[in-house]
């Protein structure tokens, strides 16, 4: 669950906008669960809005970074450590690692 929530956050940060259907298919969970995760991310401070309709979707502010979320350098290091030691190595893990490293560089 936690990995999926983090992956959704990174995907939104990368794309800016996506749909619940796309996320549900990608992570093999229900759209209802996607909306629960989006609500959770929003409650944690992620600037996410949902727009209904044909051109709608789940949108995050394009200028948002983890630094805006007030994560400390130690917390970003911890997330980076988790991703690097995650037993399942796939493209999403590698993308997460690169994003965390970019956010880490902002503290330098």
C-alpha atoms as a PDB file:
ATOM      1  CA  UNK A   1       0.000   0.000   0.000  1.00  0.00           C
ATOM      2  CA  UNK A   2       2.640   2.552   1.034  1.00  0.00           C
ATOM      3  CA  UNK A   3       4.733   1.925  -2.073  1.00  0.00           C
ATOM      4  CA  UNK A   4       1.680   2.392  -4.286  1.00  0.00           C
ATOM      5  CA  UNK A   5       0.795   5.704  -2.634  1.00  0.00           C
ATOM      6  CA  UNK A   6       4.355   6.982  -3.108  1.00  0.00           C
ATOM      7  CA  UNK A   7       4.400   5.733  -6.705  1.00  0.00           C
ATOM      8  CA  UNK A   8       1.120   7.548  -7.415  1.00  0.00           C
ATOM      9  CA  UNK A   9       2.538  10.753  -5.932  1.00  0.00           C
ATOM     10  CA  UNK A  10       5.638  10.520  -8.124  1.00  0.00           C
ATOM     11  CA  UNK A  11       3.593   9.736 -11.217  1.00  0.00           C
ATOM     12  CA  UNK A  12       1.429  12.794 -10.600  1.00  0.00           C
ATOM     13  CA  UNK A  13       4.533  14.923 -10.055  1.00  0.00           C
ATOM     14  CA  UNK A  14       5.982  13.626 -13.323  1.00  0.00           C
ATOM     15  CA  UNK A  15       2.871  13.830 -15.501  1.00  0.00           C
ATOM     16  CA  UNK A  16       0.962  16.589 -13.741  1.00  0.00           C
ATOM     17  CA  UNK A  17      -2.349  14.997 -14.705  1.00  0.00           C
ATOM     18  CA  UNK A  18      -3.664  11.471 -15.099  1.00  0.00           C
ATOM     19  CA  UNK A  19      -6.889   9.540 -14.624  1.00  0.00           C
ATOM     20  CA  UNK A  20      -8.067   7.197 -11.900  1.00  0.00           C
ATOM     21  CA  UNK A  21      -8.708   4.578 -14.588  1.00  0.00           C
ATOM     22  CA  UNK A  22      -5.095   4.755 -15.760  1.00  0.00           C
ATOM     23  CA  UNK A  23      -3.735   4.505 -12.203  1.00  0.00           C
ATOM     24  CA  UNK A  24      -6.113   1.664 -11.301  1.00  0.00           C
ATOM     25  CA  UNK A  25      -5.016  -0.358 -14.325  1.00  0.00           C
ATOM     26  CA  UNK A  26      -1.323   0.377 -13.805  1.00  0.00           C
ATOM     27  CA  UNK A  27      -1.277  -0.588 -10.119  1.00  0.00           C
ATOM     28  CA  UNK A  28      -3.934  -3.303 -10.436  1.00  0.00           C
ATOM     29  CA  UNK A  29      -6.254  -1.831  -7.809  1.00  0.00           C
ATOM     30  CA  UNK A  30      -9.767  -0.420  -7.950  1.00  0.00           C
ATOM     31  CA  UNK A  31     -10.622   3.155  -8.876  1.00  0.00           C
ATOM     32  CA  UNK A  32     -12.224   3.455  -5.442  1.00  0.00           C
ATOM     33  CA  UNK A  33      -8.855   2.628  -3.849  1.00  0.00           C
ATOM     34  CA  UNK A  34      -7.160   5.195  -6.116  1.00  0.00           C
ATOM     35  CA  UNK A  35      -9.548   7.867  -4.855  1.00  0.00           C
ATOM     36  CA  UNK A  36      -8.862   6.812  -1.247  1.00  0.00           C
ATOM     37  CA  UNK A  37      -5.115   7.136  -1.879  1.00  0.00           C
ATOM     38  CA  UNK A  38      -5.605  10.523  -3.556  1.00  0.00           C
ATOM     39  CA  UNK A  39      -7.604  11.699  -0.528  1.00  0.00           C
ATOM     40  CA  UNK A  40      -4.800  10.474   1.722  1.00  0.00           C
ATOM     41  CA  UNK A  41      -2.148  12.319  -0.319  1.00  0.00           C
ATOM     42  CA  UNK A  42      -4.254  15.462  -0.274  1.00  0.00           C
ATOM     43  CA  UNK A  43      -4.644  15.225   3.519  1.00  0.00           C
ATOM     44  CA  UNK A  44      -0.850  14.894   3.778  1.00  0.00           C
ATOM     45  CA  UNK A  45      -0.340  18.199   1.998  1.00  0.00           C
ATOM     46  CA  UNK A  46      -0.045  17.274  -1.655  1.00  0.00           C
ATOM     47  CA  UNK A  47      -1.790  19.967  -3.754  1.00  0.00           C
ATOM     48  CA  UNK A  48      -4.080  17.579  -5.640  1.00  0.00           C
ATOM     49  CA  UNK A  49      -7.426  18.326  -7.226  1.00  0.00           C
ATOM     50  CA  UNK A  50      -9.788  16.098  -9.161  1.00  0.00           C
ATOM     51  CA  UNK A  51     -11.754  17.330 -12.140  1.00  0.00           C
ATOM     52  CA  UNK A  52     -14.801  15.491 -13.460  1.00  0.00           C
ATOM     53  CA  UNK A  53     -15.749  15.225 -17.092  1.00  0.00           C
ATOM     54  CA  UNK A  54     -14.277  14.377 -20.443  1.00  0.00           C
ATOM     55  CA  UNK A  55     -11.017  16.303 -19.981  1.00  0.00           C
ATOM     56  CA  UNK A  56     -10.866  15.788 -16.245  1.00  0.00           C
ATOM     57  CA  UNK A  57      -8.519  13.761 -14.148  1.00  0.00           C
ATOM     58  CA  UNK A  58      -6.320  13.855 -11.097  1.00  0.00           C
ATOM     59  CA  UNK A  59      -4.052  16.883 -11.164  1.00  0.00           C
ATOM     60  CA  UNK A  60      -1.142  18.022  -9.002  1.00  0.00           C
ATOM     61  CA  UNK A  61       0.395  21.493  -9.041  1.00  0.00           C
ATOM     62  CA  UNK A  62       3.214  21.427 -11.616  1.00  0.00           C
ATOM     63  CA  UNK A  63       5.546  23.313  -9.268  1.00  0.00           C
ATOM     64  CA  UNK A  64       5.151  20.859  -6.416  1.00  0.00           C
ATOM     65  CA  UNK A  65       8.199  19.002  -5.074  1.00  0.00           C
ATOM     66  CA  UNK A  66       8.778  17.037  -1.908  1.00  0.00           C
ATOM     67  CA  UNK A  67      10.617  20.077  -0.570  1.00  0.00           C
ATOM     68  CA  UNK A  68       7.269  21.908  -0.722  1.00  0.00           C
ATOM     69  CA  UNK A  69       5.854  19.122   1.453  1.00  0.00           C
ATOM     70  CA  UNK A  70       8.396  20.000   4.151  1.00  0.00           C
ATOM     71  CA  UNK A  71      10.136  16.651   4.198  1.00  0.00           C
ATOM     72  CA  UNK A  72      13.451  16.860   5.933  1.00  0.00           C
ATOM     73  CA  UNK A  73      16.678  15.788   4.282  1.00  0.00           C
ATOM     74  CA  UNK A  74      16.677  12.748   6.580  1.00  0.00           C
ATOM     75  CA  UNK A  75      13.162  11.750   5.509  1.00  0.00           C
ATOM     76  CA  UNK A  76      14.076  11.976   1.822  1.00  0.00           C
ATOM     77  CA  UNK A  77      17.211   9.898   2.556  1.00  0.00           C
ATOM     78  CA  UNK A  78      15.028   7.316   4.283  1.00  0.00           C
ATOM     79  CA  UNK A  79      12.639   7.102   1.308  1.00  0.00           C
ATOM     80  CA  UNK A  80      15.610   6.835  -1.037  1.00  0.00           C
ATOM     81  CA  UNK A  81      17.058   4.035   1.106  1.00  0.00           C
ATOM     82  CA  UNK A  82      13.725   2.168   1.046  1.00  0.00           C
ATOM     83  CA  UNK A  83      13.479   2.409  -2.730  1.00  0.00           C
ATOM     84  CA  UNK A  84      17.080   1.348  -3.306  1.00  0.00           C
ATOM     85  CA  UNK A  85      16.644  -1.700  -1.072  1.00  0.00           C
ATOM     86  CA  UNK A  86      13.196  -2.675  -2.339  1.00  0.00           C
ATOM     87  CA  UNK A  87      13.489  -6.320  -3.386  1.00  0.00           C
ATOM     88  CA  UNK A  88      11.396  -5.927  -6.531  1.00  0.00           C
ATOM     89  CA  UNK A  89      13.458  -3.911  -8.989  1.00  0.00           C
ATOM     90  CA  UNK A  90      11.384  -2.494 -11.811  1.00  0.00           C
ATOM     91  CA  UNK A  91      11.141   0.664 -13.885  1.00  0.00           C
ATOM     92  CA  UNK A  92       8.936   2.436 -11.332  1.00  0.00           C
ATOM     93  CA  UNK A  93      11.470   1.840  -8.537  1.00  0.00           C
ATOM     94  CA  UNK A  94      14.255   3.245 -10.704  1.00  0.00           C
ATOM     95  CA  UNK A  95      12.105   6.293 -11.528  1.00  0.00           C
ATOM     96  CA  UNK A  96      11.387   6.835  -7.826  1.00  0.00           C
ATOM     97  CA  UNK A  97      15.079   6.634  -7.000  1.00  0.00           C
ATOM     98  CA  UNK A  98      15.913   9.241  -9.642  1.00  0.00           C
ATOM     99  CA  UNK A  99      13.148  11.576  -8.422  1.00  0.00           C
ATOM    100  CA  UNK A 100      14.296  11.257  -4.814  1.00  0.00           C
ATOM    101  CA  UNK A 101      17.868  11.999  -5.846  1.00  0.00           C
ATOM    102  CA  UNK A 102      16.677  15.130  -7.659  1.00  0.00           C
ATOM    103  CA  UNK A 103      14.826  16.244  -4.545  1.00  0.00           C
ATOM    104  CA  UNK A 104      17.904  15.470  -2.432  1.00  0.00           C
ATOM    105  CA  UNK A 105      20.010  17.737  -4.655  1.00  0.00           C
ATOM    106  CA  UNK A 106      17.793  20.680  -3.754  1.00  0.00           C
ATOM    107  CA  UNK A 107      19.205  20.481  -0.217  1.00  0.00           C
ATOM    108  CA  UNK A 108      22.786  20.774  -1.426  1.00  0.00           C
END
